[in-house]
Amino acid sequence: MSETISMSTKTILNRWSVHRDVLFELVKIFPESSANFRPTPKVMSVVEMIHHLAWVPDFFFSAMEGREWNVPPVPQTIAEA
């Protein structure tokens, strides 16, 4: 049973890493001037959303893998993201 769960976790992690890599490539086309853009005042900025999409799922994966969650701070610019 643990091998099945472990394999499922690895599959999920591999798939997510592909999506995260695509996100990183997509971010390269955003102009730096859009980093702090918020379509409405109560939502995340572009750079906050990039950070959220890239790192928050790692919280769940760290729990599945039994490791500590080490998320980097929210970047200030798209270049840092």
PDB file of N, CA and C in Angstrom:
ATOM      1  N   MET A   1       0.827  -1.207   0.000  1.00  0.00           N
ATOM      2  CA  MET A   1       0.000   0.000   0.000  1.00  0.00           C
ATOM      3  C   MET A   1       0.864   1.261   0.000  1.00  0.00           C
ATOM      4  N   SER A   2       1.920   1.297   0.818  1.00  0.00           N
ATOM      5  CA  SER A   2       2.746   2.498   0.869  1.00  0.00           C
ATOM      6  C   SER A   2       3.451   2.758  -0.458  1.00  0.00           C
ATOM      7  N   GLU A   3       3.798   1.691  -1.214  1.00  0.00           N
ATOM      8  CA  GLU A   3       4.411   1.890  -2.527  1.00  0.00           C
ATOM      9  C   GLU A   3       3.436   2.576  -3.478  1.00  0.00           C
ATOM     10  N   THR A   4       2.158   2.204  -3.408  1.00  0.00           N
ATOM     11  CA  THR A   4       1.143   2.827  -4.253  1.00  0.00           C
ATOM     12  C   THR A   4       1.005   4.305  -3.900  1.00  0.00           C
ATOM     13  N   ILE A   5       0.942   4.601  -2.631  1.00  0.00           N
ATOM     14  CA  ILE A   5       0.829   5.994  -2.197  1.00  0.00           C
ATOM     15  C   ILE A   5       2.083   6.753  -2.589  1.00  0.00           C
ATOM     16  N   SER A   6       3.245   6.167  -2.383  1.00  0.00           N
ATOM     17  CA  SER A   6       4.499   6.815  -2.732  1.00  0.00           C
ATOM     18  C   SER A   6       4.571   7.098  -4.229  1.00  0.00           C
ATOM     19  N   MET A   7       4.183   6.131  -5.041  1.00  0.00           N
ATOM     20  CA  MET A   7       4.211   6.328  -6.492  1.00  0.00           C
ATOM     21  C   MET A   7       3.234   7.421  -6.892  1.00  0.00           C
ATOM     22  N   SER A   8       2.074   7.470  -6.285  1.00  0.00           N
ATOM     23  CA  SER A   8       1.106   8.525  -6.591  1.00  0.00           C
ATOM     24  C   SER A   8       1.670   9.889  -6.224  1.00  0.00           C
ATOM     25  N   THR A   9       2.339   9.974  -5.103  1.00  0.00           N
ATOM     26  CA  THR A   9       2.948  11.230  -4.681  1.00  0.00           C
ATOM     27  C   THR A   9       4.007  11.663  -5.679  1.00  0.00           C
ATOM     28  N   LYS A  10       4.850  10.735  -6.104  1.00  0.00           N
ATOM     29  CA  LYS A  10       5.884  11.067  -7.084  1.00  0.00           C
ATOM     30  C   LYS A  10       5.263  11.531  -8.397  1.00  0.00           C
ATOM     31  N   THR A  11       4.209  10.878  -8.820  1.00  0.00           N
ATOM     32  CA  THR A  11       3.531  11.263 -10.059  1.00  0.00           C
ATOM     33  C   THR A  11       2.970  12.673  -9.936  1.00  0.00           C
ATOM     34  N   ILE A  12       2.324  12.955  -8.832  1.00  0.00           N
ATOM     35  CA  ILE A  12       1.755  14.290  -8.604  1.00  0.00           C
ATOM     36  C   ILE A  12       2.856  15.337  -8.589  1.00  0.00           C
ATOM     37  N   LEU A  13       3.935  15.052  -7.891  1.00  0.00           N
ATOM     38  CA  LEU A  13       5.045  16.004  -7.813  1.00  0.00           C
ATOM     39  C   LEU A  13       5.667  16.251  -9.180  1.00  0.00           C
ATOM     40  N   ASN A  14       5.846  15.202  -9.952  1.00  0.00           N
ATOM     41  CA  ASN A  14       6.411  15.359 -11.292  1.00  0.00           C
ATOM     42  C   ASN A  14       5.500  16.195 -12.183  1.00  0.00           C
ATOM     43  N   ARG A  15       4.215  15.922 -12.116  1.00  0.00           N
ATOM     44  CA  ARG A  15       3.274  16.705 -12.935  1.00  0.00           C
ATOM     45  C   ARG A  15       3.255  18.158 -12.507  1.00  0.00           C
ATOM     46  N   TRP A  16       3.263  18.393 -11.193  1.00  0.00           N
ATOM     47  CA  TRP A  16       3.241  19.777 -10.730  1.00  0.00           C
ATOM     48  C   TRP A  16       4.516  20.500 -11.157  1.00  0.00           C
ATOM     49  N   SER A  17       5.665  19.835 -11.082  1.00  0.00           N
ATOM     50  CA  SER A  17       6.913  20.502 -11.455  1.00  0.00           C
ATOM     51  C   SER A  17       6.894  20.918 -12.920  1.00  0.00           C
ATOM     52  N   VAL A  18       6.250  20.136 -13.776  1.00  0.00           N
ATOM     53  CA  VAL A  18       6.111  20.514 -15.182  1.00  0.00           C
ATOM     54  C   VAL A  18       5.268  21.783 -15.283  1.00  0.00           C
ATOM     55  N   HIS A  19       4.182  21.846 -14.553  1.00  0.00           N
ATOM     56  CA  HIS A  19       3.324  23.032 -14.580  1.00  0.00           C
ATOM     57  C   HIS A  19       4.062  24.251 -14.029  1.00  0.00           C
ATOM     58  N   ARG A  20       4.816  24.051 -12.963  1.00  0.00           N
ATOM     59  CA  ARG A  20       5.566  25.168 -12.388  1.00  0.00           C
ATOM     60  C   ARG A  20       6.621  25.658 -13.377  1.00  0.00           C
ATOM     61  N   ASP A  21       7.283  24.753 -14.078  1.00  0.00           N
ATOM     62  CA  ASP A  21       8.275  25.149 -15.086  1.00  0.00           C
ATOM     63  C   ASP A  21       7.624  25.975 -16.189  1.00  0.00           C
ATOM     64  N   VAL A  22       6.427  25.579 -16.609  1.00  0.00           N
ATOM     65  CA  VAL A  22       5.694  26.340 -17.630  1.00  0.00           C
ATOM     66  C   VAL A  22       5.352  27.727 -17.086  1.00  0.00           C
ATOM     67  N   LEU A  23       4.934  27.803 -15.834  1.00  0.00           N
ATOM     68  CA  LEU A  23       4.634  29.096 -15.217  1.00  0.00           C
ATOM     69  C   LEU A  23       5.866  29.996 -15.257  1.00  0.00           C
ATOM     70  N   PHE A  24       7.027  29.440 -14.920  1.00  0.00           N
ATOM     71  CA  PHE A  24       8.252  30.233 -14.930  1.00  0.00           C
ATOM     72  C   PHE A  24       8.562  30.752 -16.331  1.00  0.00           C
ATOM     73  N   GLU A  25       8.300  29.950 -17.342  1.00  0.00           N
ATOM     74  CA  GLU A  25       8.514  30.396 -18.722  1.00  0.00           C
ATOM     75  C   GLU A  25       7.502  31.486 -19.099  1.00  0.00           C
ATOM     76  N   LEU A  26       6.271  31.326 -18.688  1.00  0.00           N
ATOM     77  CA  LEU A  26       5.228  32.304 -18.972  1.00  0.00           C
ATOM     78  C   LEU A  26       5.537  33.651 -18.329  1.00  0.00           C
ATOM     79  N   VAL A  27       6.069  33.602 -17.133  1.00  0.00           N
ATOM     80  CA  VAL A  27       6.392  34.826 -16.402  1.00  0.00           C
ATOM     81  C   VAL A  27       7.398  35.682 -17.163  1.00  0.00           C
ATOM     82  N   LYS A  28       8.251  35.062 -17.932  1.00  0.00           N
ATOM     83  CA  LYS A  28       9.283  35.798 -18.674  1.00  0.00           C
ATOM     84  C   LYS A  28       8.705  36.796 -19.673  1.00  0.00           C
ATOM     85  N   ILE A  29       7.457  36.608 -20.083  1.00  0.00           N
ATOM     86  CA  ILE A  29       6.870  37.533 -21.053  1.00  0.00           C
ATOM     87  C   ILE A  29       6.126  38.700 -20.397  1.00  0.00           C
ATOM     88  N   PHE A  30       5.948  38.650 -19.077  1.00  0.00           N
ATOM     89  CA  PHE A  30       5.294  39.748 -18.372  1.00  0.00           C
ATOM     90  C   PHE A  30       6.244  40.933 -18.288  1.00  0.00           C
ATOM     91  N   PRO A  31       5.789  42.136 -18.628  1.00  0.00           N
ATOM     92  CA  PRO A  31       6.657  43.294 -18.443  1.00  0.00           C
ATOM     93  C   PRO A  31       6.800  43.602 -16.948  1.00  0.00           C
ATOM     94  N   GLU A  32       7.956  44.082 -16.573  1.00  0.00           N
ATOM     95  CA  GLU A  32       8.215  44.401 -15.159  1.00  0.00           C
ATOM     96  C   GLU A  32       7.204  45.411 -14.622  1.00  0.00           C
ATOM     97  N   SER A  33       6.716  46.279 -15.499  1.00  0.00           N
ATOM     98  CA  SER A  33       5.758  47.307 -15.072  1.00  0.00           C
ATOM     99  C   SER A  33       4.431  46.709 -14.577  1.00  0.00           C
ATOM    100  N   SER A  34       4.185  45.429 -14.880  1.00  0.00           N
ATOM    101  CA  SER A  34       2.926  44.814 -14.436  1.00  0.00           C
ATOM    102  C   SER A  34       3.046  44.123 -13.080  1.00  0.00           C
ATOM    103  N   ALA A  35       4.212  44.147 -12.463  1.00  0.00           N
ATOM    104  CA  ALA A  35       4.456  43.406 -11.214  1.00  0.00           C
ATOM    105  C   ALA A  35       3.451  43.739 -10.114  1.00  0.00           C
ATOM    106  N   ASN A  36       3.121  44.993  -9.958  1.00  0.00           N
ATOM    107  CA  ASN A  36       2.223  45.400  -8.878  1.00  0.00           C
ATOM    108  C   ASN A  36       0.781  45.615  -9.319  1.00  0.00           C
ATOM    109  N   PHE A  37       0.478  45.230 -10.552  1.00  0.00           N
ATOM    110  CA  PHE A  37      -0.881  45.386 -11.063  1.00  0.00           C
ATOM    111  C   PHE A  37      -1.850  44.512 -10.273  1.00  0.00           C
ATOM    112  N   ARG A  38      -2.984  45.105  -9.901  1.00  0.00           N
ATOM    113  CA  ARG A  38      -4.085  44.402  -9.239  1.00  0.00           C
ATOM    114  C   ARG A  38      -5.360  44.806  -9.964  1.00  0.00           C
ATOM    115  N   PRO A  39      -6.090  43.822 -10.510  1.00  0.00           N
ATOM    116  CA  PRO A  39      -7.322  44.189 -11.218  1.00  0.00           C
ATOM    117  C   PRO A  39      -8.353  44.841 -10.297  1.00  0.00           C
ATOM    118  N   THR A  40      -8.337  44.480  -9.029  1.00  0.00           N
ATOM    119  CA  THR A  40      -9.168  45.133  -8.014  1.00  0.00           C
ATOM    120  C   THR A  40      -8.329  45.227  -6.745  1.00  0.00           C
ATOM    121  N   PRO A  41      -8.638  46.147  -5.869  1.00  0.00           N
ATOM    122  CA  PRO A  41      -7.808  46.372  -4.680  1.00  0.00           C
ATOM    123  C   PRO A  41      -7.672  45.170  -3.728  1.00  0.00           C
ATOM    124  N   LYS A  42      -8.637  44.264  -3.723  1.00  0.00           N
ATOM    125  CA  LYS A  42      -8.632  43.179  -2.734  1.00  0.00           C
ATOM    126  C   LYS A  42      -7.997  41.874  -3.225  1.00  0.00           C
ATOM    127  N   VAL A  43      -7.339  41.897  -4.377  1.00  0.00           N
ATOM    128  CA  VAL A  43      -6.736  40.670  -4.914  1.00  0.00           C
ATOM    129  C   VAL A  43      -5.215  40.792  -4.929  1.00  0.00           C
ATOM    130  N   MET A  44      -4.559  39.666  -5.160  1.00  0.00           N
ATOM    131  CA  MET A  44      -3.094  39.646  -5.219  1.00  0.00           C
ATOM    132  C   MET A  44      -2.593  40.412  -6.433  1.00  0.00           C
ATOM    133  N   SER A  45      -1.401  40.963  -6.276  1.00  0.00           N
ATOM    134  CA  SER A  45      -0.745  41.587  -7.425  1.00  0.00           C
ATOM    135  C   SER A  45      -0.217  40.475  -8.333  1.00  0.00           C
ATOM    136  N   VAL A  46       0.236  40.836  -9.513  1.00  0.00           N
ATOM    137  CA  VAL A  46       0.781  39.853 -10.452  1.00  0.00           C
ATOM    138  C   VAL A  46       1.928  39.086  -9.799  1.00  0.00           C
ATOM    139  N   VAL A  47       2.852  39.788  -9.173  1.00  0.00           N
ATOM    140  CA  VAL A  47       4.011  39.114  -8.578  1.00  0.00           C
ATOM    141  C   VAL A  47       3.588  38.233  -7.391  1.00  0.00           C
ATOM    142  N   GLU A  48       2.603  38.653  -6.624  1.00  0.00           N
ATOM    143  CA  GLU A  48       2.096  37.823  -5.524  1.00  0.00           C
ATOM    144  C   GLU A  48       1.417  36.569  -6.061  1.00  0.00           C
ATOM    145  N   MET A  49       0.685  36.709  -7.160  1.00  0.00           N
ATOM    146  CA  MET A  49       0.016  35.552  -7.756  1.00  0.00           C
ATOM    147  C   MET A  49       1.024  34.562  -8.333  1.00  0.00           C
ATOM    148  N   ILE A  50       2.076  35.074  -8.957  1.00  0.00           N
ATOM    149  CA  ILE A  50       3.135  34.200  -9.464  1.00  0.00           C
ATOM    150  C   ILE A  50       3.730  33.395  -8.315  1.00  0.00           C
ATOM    151  N   HIS A  51       4.038  34.073  -7.235  1.00  0.00           N
ATOM    152  CA  HIS A  51       4.600  33.408  -6.054  1.00  0.00           C
ATOM    153  C   HIS A  51       3.626  32.367  -5.511  1.00  0.00           C
ATOM    154  N   HIS A  52       2.381  32.733  -5.412  1.00  0.00           N
ATOM    155  CA  HIS A  52       1.348  31.827  -4.896  1.00  0.00           C
ATOM    156  C   HIS A  52       1.251  30.569  -5.755  1.00  0.00           C
ATOM    157  N   LEU A  53       1.141  30.747  -7.056  1.00  0.00           N
ATOM    158  CA  LEU A  53       1.008  29.600  -7.959  1.00  0.00           C
ATOM    159  C   LEU A  53       2.247  28.712  -7.956  1.00  0.00           C
ATOM    160  N   ALA A  54       3.405  29.326  -7.795  1.00  0.00           N
ATOM    161  CA  ALA A  54       4.646  28.560  -7.845  1.00  0.00           C
ATOM    162  C   ALA A  54       4.963  27.831  -6.541  1.00  0.00           C
ATOM    163  N   TRP A  55       4.627  28.409  -5.400  1.00  0.00           N
ATOM    164  CA  TRP A  55       5.119  27.857  -4.144  1.00  0.00           C
ATOM    165  C   TRP A  55       4.077  27.330  -3.171  1.00  0.00           C
ATOM    166  N   VAL A  56       2.886  27.845  -3.169  1.00  0.00           N
ATOM    167  CA  VAL A  56       1.898  27.376  -2.194  1.00  0.00           C
ATOM    168  C   VAL A  56       1.588  25.883  -2.349  1.00  0.00           C
ATOM    169  N   PRO A  57       1.492  25.350  -3.572  1.00  0.00           N
ATOM    170  CA  PRO A  57       1.272  23.897  -3.664  1.00  0.00           C
ATOM    171  C   PRO A  57       2.382  23.086  -3.005  1.00  0.00           C
ATOM    172  N   ASP A  58       3.585  23.661  -2.923  1.00  0.00           N
ATOM    173  CA  ASP A  58       4.676  22.959  -2.262  1.00  0.00           C
ATOM    174  C   ASP A  58       4.350  22.675  -0.798  1.00  0.00           C
ATOM    175  N   PHE A  59       3.498  23.484  -0.202  1.00  0.00           N
ATOM    176  CA  PHE A  59       3.039  23.246   1.171  1.00  0.00           C
ATOM    177  C   PHE A  59       2.397  21.864   1.280  1.00  0.00           C
ATOM    178  N   PHE A  60       1.532  21.538   0.333  1.00  0.00           N
ATOM    179  CA  PHE A  60       0.852  20.248   0.347  1.00  0.00           C
ATOM    180  C   PHE A  60       1.812  19.106   0.014  1.00  0.00           C
ATOM    181  N   PHE A  61       2.706  19.356  -0.937  1.00  0.00           N
ATOM    182  CA  PHE A  61       3.669  18.322  -1.304  1.00  0.00           C
ATOM    183  C   PHE A  61       4.627  18.033  -0.165  1.00  0.00           C
ATOM    184  N   SER A  62       5.023  19.053   0.574  1.00  0.00           N
ATOM    185  CA  SER A  62       5.922  18.825   1.698  1.00  0.00           C
ATOM    186  C   SER A  62       5.241  17.957   2.754  1.00  0.00           C
ATOM    187  N   ALA A  63       3.954  18.154   2.938  1.00  0.00           N
ATOM    188  CA  ALA A  63       3.212  17.319   3.885  1.00  0.00           C
ATOM    189  C   ALA A  63       3.155  15.872   3.396  1.00  0.00           C
ATOM    190  N   MET A  64       2.942  15.674   2.095  1.00  0.00           N
ATOM    191  CA  MET A  64       2.884  14.316   1.544  1.00  0.00           C
ATOM    192  C   MET A  64       4.234  13.625   1.642  1.00  0.00           C
ATOM    193  N   GLU A  65       5.304  14.398   1.494  1.00  0.00           N
ATOM    194  CA  GLU A  65       6.646  13.825   1.530  1.00  0.00           C
ATOM    195  C   GLU A  65       7.219  13.765   2.938  1.00  0.00           C
ATOM    196  N   GLY A  66       6.544  14.392   3.891  1.00  0.00           N
ATOM    197  CA  GLY A  66       7.030  14.408   5.263  1.00  0.00           C
ATOM    198  C   GLY A  66       8.260  15.282   5.447  1.00  0.00           C
ATOM    199  N   ARG A  67       8.333  16.368   4.703  1.00  0.00           N
ATOM    200  CA  ARG A  67       9.472  17.275   4.837  1.00  0.00           C
ATOM    201  C   ARG A  67       8.994  18.651   5.280  1.00  0.00           C
ATOM    202  N   GLU A  68       9.942  19.461   5.746  1.00  0.00           N
ATOM    203  CA  GLU A  68       9.631  20.817   6.182  1.00  0.00           C
ATOM    204  C   GLU A  68       9.347  21.695   4.971  1.00  0.00           C
ATOM    205  N   TRP A  69       8.435  22.627   5.139  1.00  0.00           N
ATOM    206  CA  TRP A  69       8.067  23.533   4.054  1.00  0.00           C
ATOM    207  C   TRP A  69       8.957  24.760   4.111  1.00  0.00           C
ATOM    208  N   ASN A  70       9.759  24.955   3.090  1.00  0.00           N
ATOM    209  CA  ASN A  70      10.674  26.092   3.016  1.00  0.00           C
ATOM    210  C   ASN A  70      10.304  26.952   1.825  1.00  0.00           C
ATOM    211  N   VAL A  71       9.381  27.836   2.033  1.00  0.00           N
ATOM    212  CA  VAL A  71       8.928  28.697   0.941  1.00  0.00           C
ATOM    213  C   VAL A  71       9.725  30.005   0.962  1.00  0.00           C
ATOM    214  N   PRO A  72      10.193  30.446  -0.207  1.00  0.00           N
ATOM    215  CA  PRO A  72      10.927  31.711  -0.248  1.00  0.00           C
ATOM    216  C   PRO A  72       9.984  32.896  -0.031  1.00  0.00           C
ATOM    217  N   PRO A  73      10.533  34.037   0.372  1.00  0.00           N
ATOM    218  CA  PRO A  73       9.681  35.221   0.556  1.00  0.00           C
ATOM    219  C   PRO A  73       9.092  35.684  -0.781  1.00  0.00           C
ATOM    220  N   VAL A  74       8.011  36.422  -0.709  1.00  0.00           N
ATOM    221  CA  VAL A  74       7.377  36.961  -1.918  1.00  0.00           C
ATOM    222  C   VAL A  74       8.345  37.953  -2.563  1.00  0.00           C
ATOM    223  N   PRO A  75       8.628  37.763  -3.850  1.00  0.00           N
ATOM    224  CA  PRO A  75       9.559  38.684  -4.521  1.00  0.00           C
ATOM    225  C   PRO A  75       8.928  40.068  -4.699  1.00  0.00           C
ATOM    226  N   GLN A  76       9.773  41.035  -4.890  1.00  0.00           N
ATOM    227  CA  GLN A  76       9.311  42.404  -5.097  1.00  0.00           C
ATOM    228  C   GLN A  76       9.125  42.722  -6.571  1.00  0.00           C
ATOM    229  N   THR A  77       9.808  41.967  -7.433  1.00  0.00           N
ATOM    230  CA  THR A  77       9.753  42.238  -8.868  1.00  0.00           C
ATOM    231  C   THR A  77       9.500  40.930  -9.625  1.00  0.00           C
ATOM    232  N   ILE A  78       9.089  41.046 -10.871  1.00  0.00           N
ATOM    233  CA  ILE A  78       8.893  39.868 -11.707  1.00  0.00           C
ATOM    234  C   ILE A  78      10.239  39.200 -11.981  1.00  0.00           C
ATOM    235  N   ALA A  79      11.289  39.990 -12.132  1.00  0.00           N
ATOM    236  CA  ALA A  79      12.617  39.428 -12.372  1.00  0.00           C
ATOM    237  C   ALA A  79      13.050  38.522 -11.226  1.00  0.00           C
ATOM    238  N   GLU A  80      12.694  38.884  -9.995  1.00  0.00           N
ATOM    239  CA  GLU A  80      13.024  38.050  -8.833  1.00  0.00           C
ATOM    240  C   GLU A  80      12.164  36.783  -8.782  1.00  0.00           C
ATOM    241  N   ALA A  81      10.961  36.862  -9.377  1.00  0.00           N
ATOM    242  CA  ALA A  81      10.060  35.713  -9.334  1.00  0.00           C
ATOM    243  C   ALA A  81      10.631  34.611 -10.164  1.00  0.00           C
TER     244      ALA A  81
END
